[in-house]
C-alpha atoms as a PDB file:
ATOM      1  CA  MET A   1      12.470   9.541 -10.715  1.00  0.00           C
ATOM      2  CA  GLU A   2      15.825  11.092 -11.588  1.00  0.00           C
ATOM      3  CA  PRO A   3      16.974  13.850  -9.174  1.00  0.00           C
ATOM      4  CA  ALA A   4      17.031  17.423 -10.461  1.00  0.00           C
ATOM      5  CA  LYS A   5      20.344  18.513 -11.968  1.00  0.00           C
ATOM      6  CA  TYR A   6      19.847  22.033 -10.635  1.00  0.00           C
ATOM      7  CA  PHE A   7      19.396  23.538  -7.147  1.00  0.00           C
ATOM      8  CA  VAL A   8      16.186  25.159  -5.883  1.00  0.00           C
ATOM      9  CA  HIS A   9      16.022  26.617  -2.377  1.00  0.00           C
ATOM     10  CA  PRO A  10      13.026  25.228  -0.427  1.00  0.00           C
ATOM     11  CA  SER A  11      11.407  28.692  -0.265  1.00  0.00           C
ATOM     12  CA  ALA A  12      11.528  29.194  -4.056  1.00  0.00           C
ATOM     13  CA  ILE A  13       8.544  28.372  -6.279  1.00  0.00           C
ATOM     14  CA  ILE A  14       8.867  26.774  -9.714  1.00  0.00           C
ATOM     15  CA  ASP A  15       5.663  26.617 -11.768  1.00  0.00           C
ATOM     16  CA  GLU A  16       5.303  23.841 -14.310  1.00  0.00           C
ATOM     17  CA  PRO A  17       5.985  23.484 -17.081  1.00  0.00           C
ATOM     18  CA  SER A  18       9.375  25.157 -16.961  1.00  0.00           C
ATOM     19  CA  GLU A  19      12.738  24.126 -18.354  1.00  0.00           C
ATOM     20  CA  ILE A  20      15.766  24.652 -16.108  1.00  0.00           C
ATOM     21  CA  GLY A  21      19.310  23.830 -17.190  1.00  0.00           C
ATOM     22  CA  GLU A  22      21.923  21.788 -15.396  1.00  0.00           C
ATOM     23  CA  SER A  23      23.843  23.364 -12.486  1.00  0.00           C
ATOM     24  CA  THR A  24      21.507  26.367 -12.275  1.00  0.00           C
ATOM     25  CA  LYS A  25      20.837  27.700  -8.754  1.00  0.00           C
ATOM     26  CA  ILE A  26      17.571  29.355  -7.708  1.00  0.00           C
ATOM     27  CA  TRP A  27      17.704  31.032  -4.300  1.00  0.00           C
ATOM     28  CA  HIS A  28      15.374  32.173  -1.476  1.00  0.00           C
ATOM     29  CA  PHE A  29      11.828  33.361  -2.211  1.00  0.00           C
ATOM     30  CA  SER A  30      12.278  33.460  -5.986  1.00  0.00           C
ATOM     31  CA  HIS A  31       9.415  32.576  -8.323  1.00  0.00           C
ATOM     32  CA  ILE A  32       9.896  30.994 -11.733  1.00  0.00           C
ATOM     33  CA  MET A  33       6.539  31.092 -13.504  1.00  0.00           C
ATOM     34  CA  ALA A  34       5.227  28.652 -16.095  1.00  0.00           C
ATOM     35  CA  ASN A  35       6.731  28.203 -19.539  1.00  0.00           C
ATOM     36  CA  CYS A  36      10.101  29.755 -18.723  1.00  0.00           C
ATOM     37  CA  ILE A  37      13.290  28.441 -20.260  1.00  0.00           C
ATOM     38  CA  ILE A  38      16.379  28.914 -18.105  1.00  0.00           C
ATOM     39  CA  GLY A  39      19.778  27.758 -19.334  1.00  0.00           C
ATOM     40  CA  SER A  40      22.606  25.925 -17.606  1.00  0.00           C
ATOM     41  CA  ASN A  41      24.895  27.392 -14.928  1.00  0.00           C
ATOM     42  CA  CYS A  42      22.575  30.311 -14.165  1.00  0.00           C
ATOM     43  CA  ASN A  43      22.404  31.911 -10.721  1.00  0.00           C
ATOM     44  CA  ILE A  44      19.055  33.418  -9.756  1.00  0.00           C
ATOM     45  CA  GLY A  45      19.334  35.416  -6.531  1.00  0.00           C
ATOM     46  CA  GLN A  46      16.911  36.024  -3.695  1.00  0.00           C
ATOM     47  CA  ASN A  47      13.411  37.407  -4.356  1.00  0.00           C
ATOM     48  CA  VAL A  48      13.615  37.259  -8.161  1.00  0.00           C
ATOM     49  CA  VAL A  49      10.456  37.048 -10.292  1.00  0.00           C
ATOM     50  CA  VAL A  50      10.728  35.430 -13.730  1.00  0.00           C
ATOM     51  CA  SER A  51       7.369  35.838 -15.476  1.00  0.00           C
ATOM     52  CA  PRO A  52       5.738  33.350 -17.871  1.00  0.00           C
ATOM     53  CA  GLY A  53       7.547  32.698 -21.135  1.00  0.00           C
ATOM     54  CA  VAL A  54      10.823  34.435 -20.255  1.00  0.00           C
ATOM     55  CA  VAL A  55      13.893  32.873 -21.882  1.00  0.00           C
ATOM     56  CA  LEU A  56      17.332  33.058 -20.239  1.00  0.00           C
ATOM     57  CA  GLY A  57      20.499  31.699 -21.857  1.00  0.00           C
ATOM     58  CA  ASN A  58      23.376  29.887 -20.173  1.00  0.00           C
ATOM     59  CA  ASN A  59      25.466  31.426 -17.384  1.00  0.00           C
ATOM     60  CA  VAL A  60      23.014  34.280 -16.714  1.00  0.00           C
ATOM     61  CA  LYS A  61      23.614  35.907 -13.313  1.00  0.00           C
ATOM     62  CA  ILE A  62      20.616  37.567 -11.686  1.00  0.00           C
ATOM     63  CA  GLN A  63      21.138  39.443  -8.426  1.00  0.00           C
ATOM     64  CA  ASN A  64      18.535  39.920  -5.665  1.00  0.00           C
ATOM     65  CA  ASN A  65      15.143  41.601  -6.157  1.00  0.00           C
ATOM     66  CA  VAL A  66      15.093  41.558  -9.984  1.00  0.00           C
ATOM     67  CA  SER A  67      11.830  41.446 -11.961  1.00  0.00           C
ATOM     68  CA  ILE A  68      11.933  39.960 -15.466  1.00  0.00           C
ATOM     69  CA  TYR A  69       8.557  40.224 -17.161  1.00  0.00           C
ATOM     70  CA  THR A  70       6.971  38.345 -20.062  1.00  0.00           C
ATOM     71  CA  GLY A  71       8.512  39.356 -23.392  1.00  0.00           C
ATOM     72  CA  VAL A  72      12.109  39.466 -22.147  1.00  0.00           C
ATOM     73  CA  THR A  73      14.849  37.221 -23.537  1.00  0.00           C
ATOM     74  CA  CYS A  74      18.473  37.212 -22.389  1.00  0.00           C
ATOM     75  CA  ASP A  75      21.332  35.582 -24.289  1.00  0.00           C
ATOM     76  CA  ASP A  76      24.237  33.749 -22.616  1.00  0.00           C
ATOM     77  CA  ASP A  77      26.441  35.450 -20.007  1.00  0.00           C
ATOM     78  CA  VAL A  78      24.045  38.328 -19.203  1.00  0.00           C
ATOM     79  CA  PHE A  79      24.429  40.020 -15.787  1.00  0.00           C
ATOM     80  CA  LEU A  80      21.370  41.609 -14.158  1.00  0.00           C
ATOM     81  CA  GLY A  81      22.287  43.764 -11.146  1.00  0.00           C
ATOM     82  CA  PRO A  82      20.350  44.062  -7.877  1.00  0.00           C
ATOM     83  CA  SER A  83      16.818  45.437  -8.122  1.00  0.00           C
ATOM     84  CA  CYS A  84      16.928  46.113 -11.868  1.00  0.00           C
ATOM     85  CA  VAL A  85      13.574  45.779 -13.573  1.00  0.00           C
ATOM     86  CA  PHE A  86      12.117  45.253 -17.025  1.00  0.00           C
ATOM     87  CA  THR A  87       8.694  46.492 -18.125  1.00  0.00           C
ATOM     88  CA  ASN A  88       6.473  44.916 -20.763  1.00  0.00           C
ATOM     89  CA  VAL A  89       3.684  47.419 -21.417  1.00  0.00           C
ATOM     90  CA  ILE A  90       4.359  50.989 -22.510  1.00  0.00           C
ATOM     91  CA  ASN A  91       1.105  52.454 -21.140  1.00  0.00           C
ATOM     92  CA  PRO A  92      -0.118  50.301 -18.219  1.00  0.00           C
ATOM     93  CA  ARG A  93      -3.480  50.912 -16.561  1.00  0.00           C
ATOM     94  CA  SER A  94      -4.891  48.754 -13.807  1.00  0.00           C
ATOM     95  CA  ALA A  95      -8.386  48.777 -15.317  1.00  0.00           C
ATOM     96  CA  VAL A  96      -7.220  47.977 -18.879  1.00  0.00           C
ATOM     97  CA  ASN A  97      -6.003  44.476 -19.786  1.00  0.00           C
ATOM     98  CA  ARG A  98      -3.060  44.809 -22.184  1.00  0.00           C
ATOM     99  CA  ARG A  99      -1.658  41.270 -22.042  1.00  0.00           C
ATOM    100  CA  SER A 100      -1.967  40.995 -25.814  1.00  0.00           C
ATOM    101  CA  GLN A 101       0.198  44.118 -26.183  1.00  0.00           C
ATOM    102  CA  TYR A 102       3.328  43.001 -24.324  1.00  0.00           C
ATOM    103  CA  ALA A 103       6.399  44.463 -26.009  1.00  0.00           C
ATOM    104  CA  LYS A 104       9.521  42.333 -26.450  1.00  0.00           C
ATOM    105  CA  THR A 105      12.972  43.215 -25.111  1.00  0.00           C
ATOM    106  CA  HIS A 106      16.113  41.288 -26.024  1.00  0.00           C
ATOM    107  CA  VAL A 107      19.356  41.485 -24.033  1.00  0.00           C
ATOM    108  CA  GLY A 108      22.398  40.429 -26.069  1.00  0.00           C
ATOM    109  CA  LYS A 109      25.205  38.084 -25.062  1.00  0.00           C
ATOM    110  CA  GLY A 110      27.481  39.327 -22.288  1.00  0.00           C
ATOM    111  CA  ALA A 111      25.532  42.524 -21.563  1.00  0.00           C
ATOM    112  CA  SER A 112      25.482  43.913 -17.996  1.00  0.00           C
ATOM    113  CA  ILE A 113      22.635  45.856 -16.439  1.00  0.00           C
ATOM    114  CA  GLY A 114      23.491  47.773 -13.265  1.00  0.00           C
ATOM    115  CA  ALA A 115      21.685  47.939  -9.930  1.00  0.00           C
ATOM    116  CA  ASN A 116      18.293  49.675  -9.936  1.00  0.00           C
ATOM    117  CA  ALA A 117      18.299  50.200 -13.709  1.00  0.00           C
ATOM    118  CA  THR A 118      14.950  50.182 -15.518  1.00  0.00           C
ATOM    119  CA  ILE A 119      14.610  48.814 -19.032  1.00  0.00           C
ATOM    120  CA  VAL A 120      11.505  50.256 -20.699  1.00  0.00           C
ATOM    121  CA  CYS A 121       9.981  47.580 -22.912  1.00  0.00           C
ATOM    122  CA  GLY A 122      10.646  47.301 -26.624  1.00  0.00           C
ATOM    123  CA  HIS A 123      14.233  48.543 -26.495  1.00  0.00           C
ATOM    124  CA  ASN A 124      16.845  45.887 -27.222  1.00  0.00           C
ATOM    125  CA  ILE A 125      20.252  45.888 -25.565  1.00  0.00           C
ATOM    126  CA  GLY A 126      23.205  44.914 -27.754  1.00  0.00           C
ATOM    127  CA  GLN A 127      25.790  42.313 -26.876  1.00  0.00           C
ATOM    128  CA  PHE A 128      28.400  43.372 -24.293  1.00  0.00           C
ATOM    129  CA  ALA A 129      26.557  46.652 -23.648  1.00  0.00           C
ATOM    130  CA  PHE A 130      26.919  48.082 -20.151  1.00  0.00           C
ATOM    131  CA  ILE A 131      23.943  49.805 -18.492  1.00  0.00           C
ATOM    132  CA  GLY A 132      25.031  51.937 -15.512  1.00  0.00           C
ATOM    133  CA  ALA A 133      23.390  51.697 -12.080  1.00  0.00           C
ATOM    134  CA  GLY A 134      20.083  53.558 -11.919  1.00  0.00           C
ATOM    135  CA  ALA A 135      19.892  54.168 -15.670  1.00  0.00           C
ATOM    136  CA  VAL A 136      16.492  54.301 -17.359  1.00  0.00           C
ATOM    137  CA  VAL A 137      16.746  52.813 -20.841  1.00  0.00           C
ATOM    138  CA  THR A 138      14.216  54.387 -23.208  1.00  0.00           C
ATOM    139  CA  ARG A 139      15.779  53.458 -26.572  1.00  0.00           C
ATOM    140  CA  LYS A 140      17.888  50.758 -28.231  1.00  0.00           C
ATOM    141  CA  VAL A 141      21.400  50.292 -26.822  1.00  0.00           C
ATOM    142  CA  SER A 142      24.212  49.446 -29.281  1.00  0.00           C
ATOM    143  CA  GLU A 143      26.674  46.586 -28.908  1.00  0.00           C
ATOM    144  CA  TYR A 144      29.535  47.474 -26.511  1.00  0.00           C
ATOM    145  CA  ALA A 145      27.844  50.801 -25.587  1.00  0.00           C
ATOM    146  CA  LEU A 146      28.163  52.305 -22.100  1.00  0.00           C
ATOM    147  CA  VAL A 147      24.959  54.138 -21.117  1.00  0.00           C
ATOM    148  CA  VAL A 148      24.107  56.021 -17.910  1.00  0.00           C
ATOM    149  CA  GLY A 149      21.478  58.383 -16.524  1.00  0.00           C
ATOM    150  CA  ASN A 150      17.761  59.085 -16.791  1.00  0.00           C
ATOM    151  CA  PRO A 151      16.987  58.887 -19.604  1.00  0.00           C
ATOM    152  CA  ALA A 152      20.012  56.737 -20.403  1.00  0.00           C
ATOM    153  CA  ARG A 153      22.513  58.286 -22.798  1.00  0.00           C
ATOM    154  CA  GLN A 154      25.646  56.795 -24.283  1.00  0.00           C
ATOM    155  CA  VAL A 155      28.876  58.079 -22.726  1.00  0.00           C
ATOM    156  CA  GLY A 156      31.397  55.595 -24.133  1.00  0.00           C
ATOM    157  CA  TRP A 157      32.218  52.034 -25.064  1.00  0.00           C
ATOM    158  CA  MET A 158      33.063  48.914 -23.002  1.00  0.00           C
ATOM    159  CA  SER A 159      35.179  45.840 -23.671  1.00  0.00           C
ATOM    160  CA  GLU A 160      33.914  42.286 -23.300  1.00  0.00           C
ATOM    161  CA  TYR A 161      35.770  42.207 -19.952  1.00  0.00           C
ATOM    162  CA  GLY A 162      33.900  45.273 -18.704  1.00  0.00           C
ATOM    163  CA  HIS A 163      36.556  47.979 -19.079  1.00  0.00           C
ATOM    164  CA  ARG A 164      35.994  51.371 -20.674  1.00  0.00           C
ATOM    165  CA  LEU A 165      37.606  51.599 -24.109  1.00  0.00           C
ATOM    166  CA  ASN A 166      39.735  54.582 -25.142  1.00  0.00           C
ATOM    167  CA  PHE A 167      40.085  54.757 -28.922  1.00  0.00           C
ATOM    168  CA  ASP A 168      43.148  56.251 -30.627  1.00  0.00           C
ATOM    169  CA  LEU A 169      43.020  58.448 -33.740  1.00  0.00           C
ATOM    170  CA  ASN A 170      42.825  55.316 -35.911  1.00  0.00           C
ATOM    171  CA  GLY A 171      39.740  54.114 -34.043  1.00  0.00           C
ATOM    172  CA  ILE A 172      41.576  51.275 -32.254  1.00  0.00           C
ATOM    173  CA  ALA A 173      41.331  50.484 -28.515  1.00  0.00           C
ATOM    174  CA  VAL A 174      42.856  47.744 -26.359  1.00  0.00           C
ATOM    175  CA  CYS A 175      41.160  46.269 -23.275  1.00  0.00           C
ATOM    176  CA  GLU A 176      43.480  46.774 -20.297  1.00  0.00           C
ATOM    177  CA  GLU A 177      42.693  43.330 -18.836  1.00  0.00           C
ATOM    178  CA  SER A 178      42.301  40.978 -21.794  1.00  0.00           C
ATOM    179  CA  GLN A 179      44.428  42.840 -24.368  1.00  0.00           C
ATOM    180  CA  GLN A 180      41.606  42.267 -26.860  1.00  0.00           C
ATOM    181  CA  GLN A 181      41.538  44.888 -29.600  1.00  0.00           C
ATOM    182  CA  TYR A 182      38.465  46.791 -30.768  1.00  0.00           C
ATOM    183  CA  GLN A 183      37.728  49.028 -33.727  1.00  0.00           C
ATOM    184  CA  LEU A 184      35.343  51.988 -33.773  1.00  0.00           C
ATOM    185  CA  ARG A 185      34.001  52.776 -37.238  1.00  0.00           C
ATOM    186  CA  GLU A 186      30.838  54.719 -38.130  1.00  0.00           C
ATOM    187  CA  SER A 187      29.520  54.626 -34.544  1.00  0.00           C
ATOM    188  CA  THR A 188      29.891  50.832 -34.358  1.00  0.00           C
ATOM    189  CA  VAL A 189      32.387  48.865 -32.262  1.00  0.00           C
ATOM    190  CA  LYS A 190      33.675  45.425 -33.224  1.00  0.00           C
ATOM    191  CA  ARG A 191      36.300  43.226 -31.580  1.00  0.00           C
ATOM    192  CA  ILE A 192      39.115  42.609 -34.078  1.00  0.00           C
ATOM    193  CA  VAL A 193      41.619  40.546 -32.017  1.00  0.00           C
END
């Protein structure tokens, strides 16, 4: 039998079948449930629950105490901060089985979700969006948007390197770290250089 090409701490539980990419690390007391697909070079911190059928892209970083429930998909390079949580039913009741009503939530490439944020199911997060710590997302988040608060509201725009963008009168902004250029037009941000 060929040795695993990923690392699993002895206290972690991996239910089969699951697909785990090369060089991924799964740390203490985490539980990967059946039928998950986890990409390469991911880091899954301590006490993380990944529910059945969740799909994670490559290079996803999940900090400690995160819950990712059925119906969630994350593209490559997503960051999930400590103790953030996703939901998958809009009106849960203990006595009512709603497994057939799980809502889907998609997190776009390069998005970051801050510590203790809650993502209410059915609201997609655009690529490179930035969800502030403790935010409660109750609606769709645009690409490159910076949202904070409860309920989360947009307060600006972020670069792919995670810096707040300041647009000039022509709708152009430059990331202070990468020097990438962005254009704001009709409430949409795109990287242009």
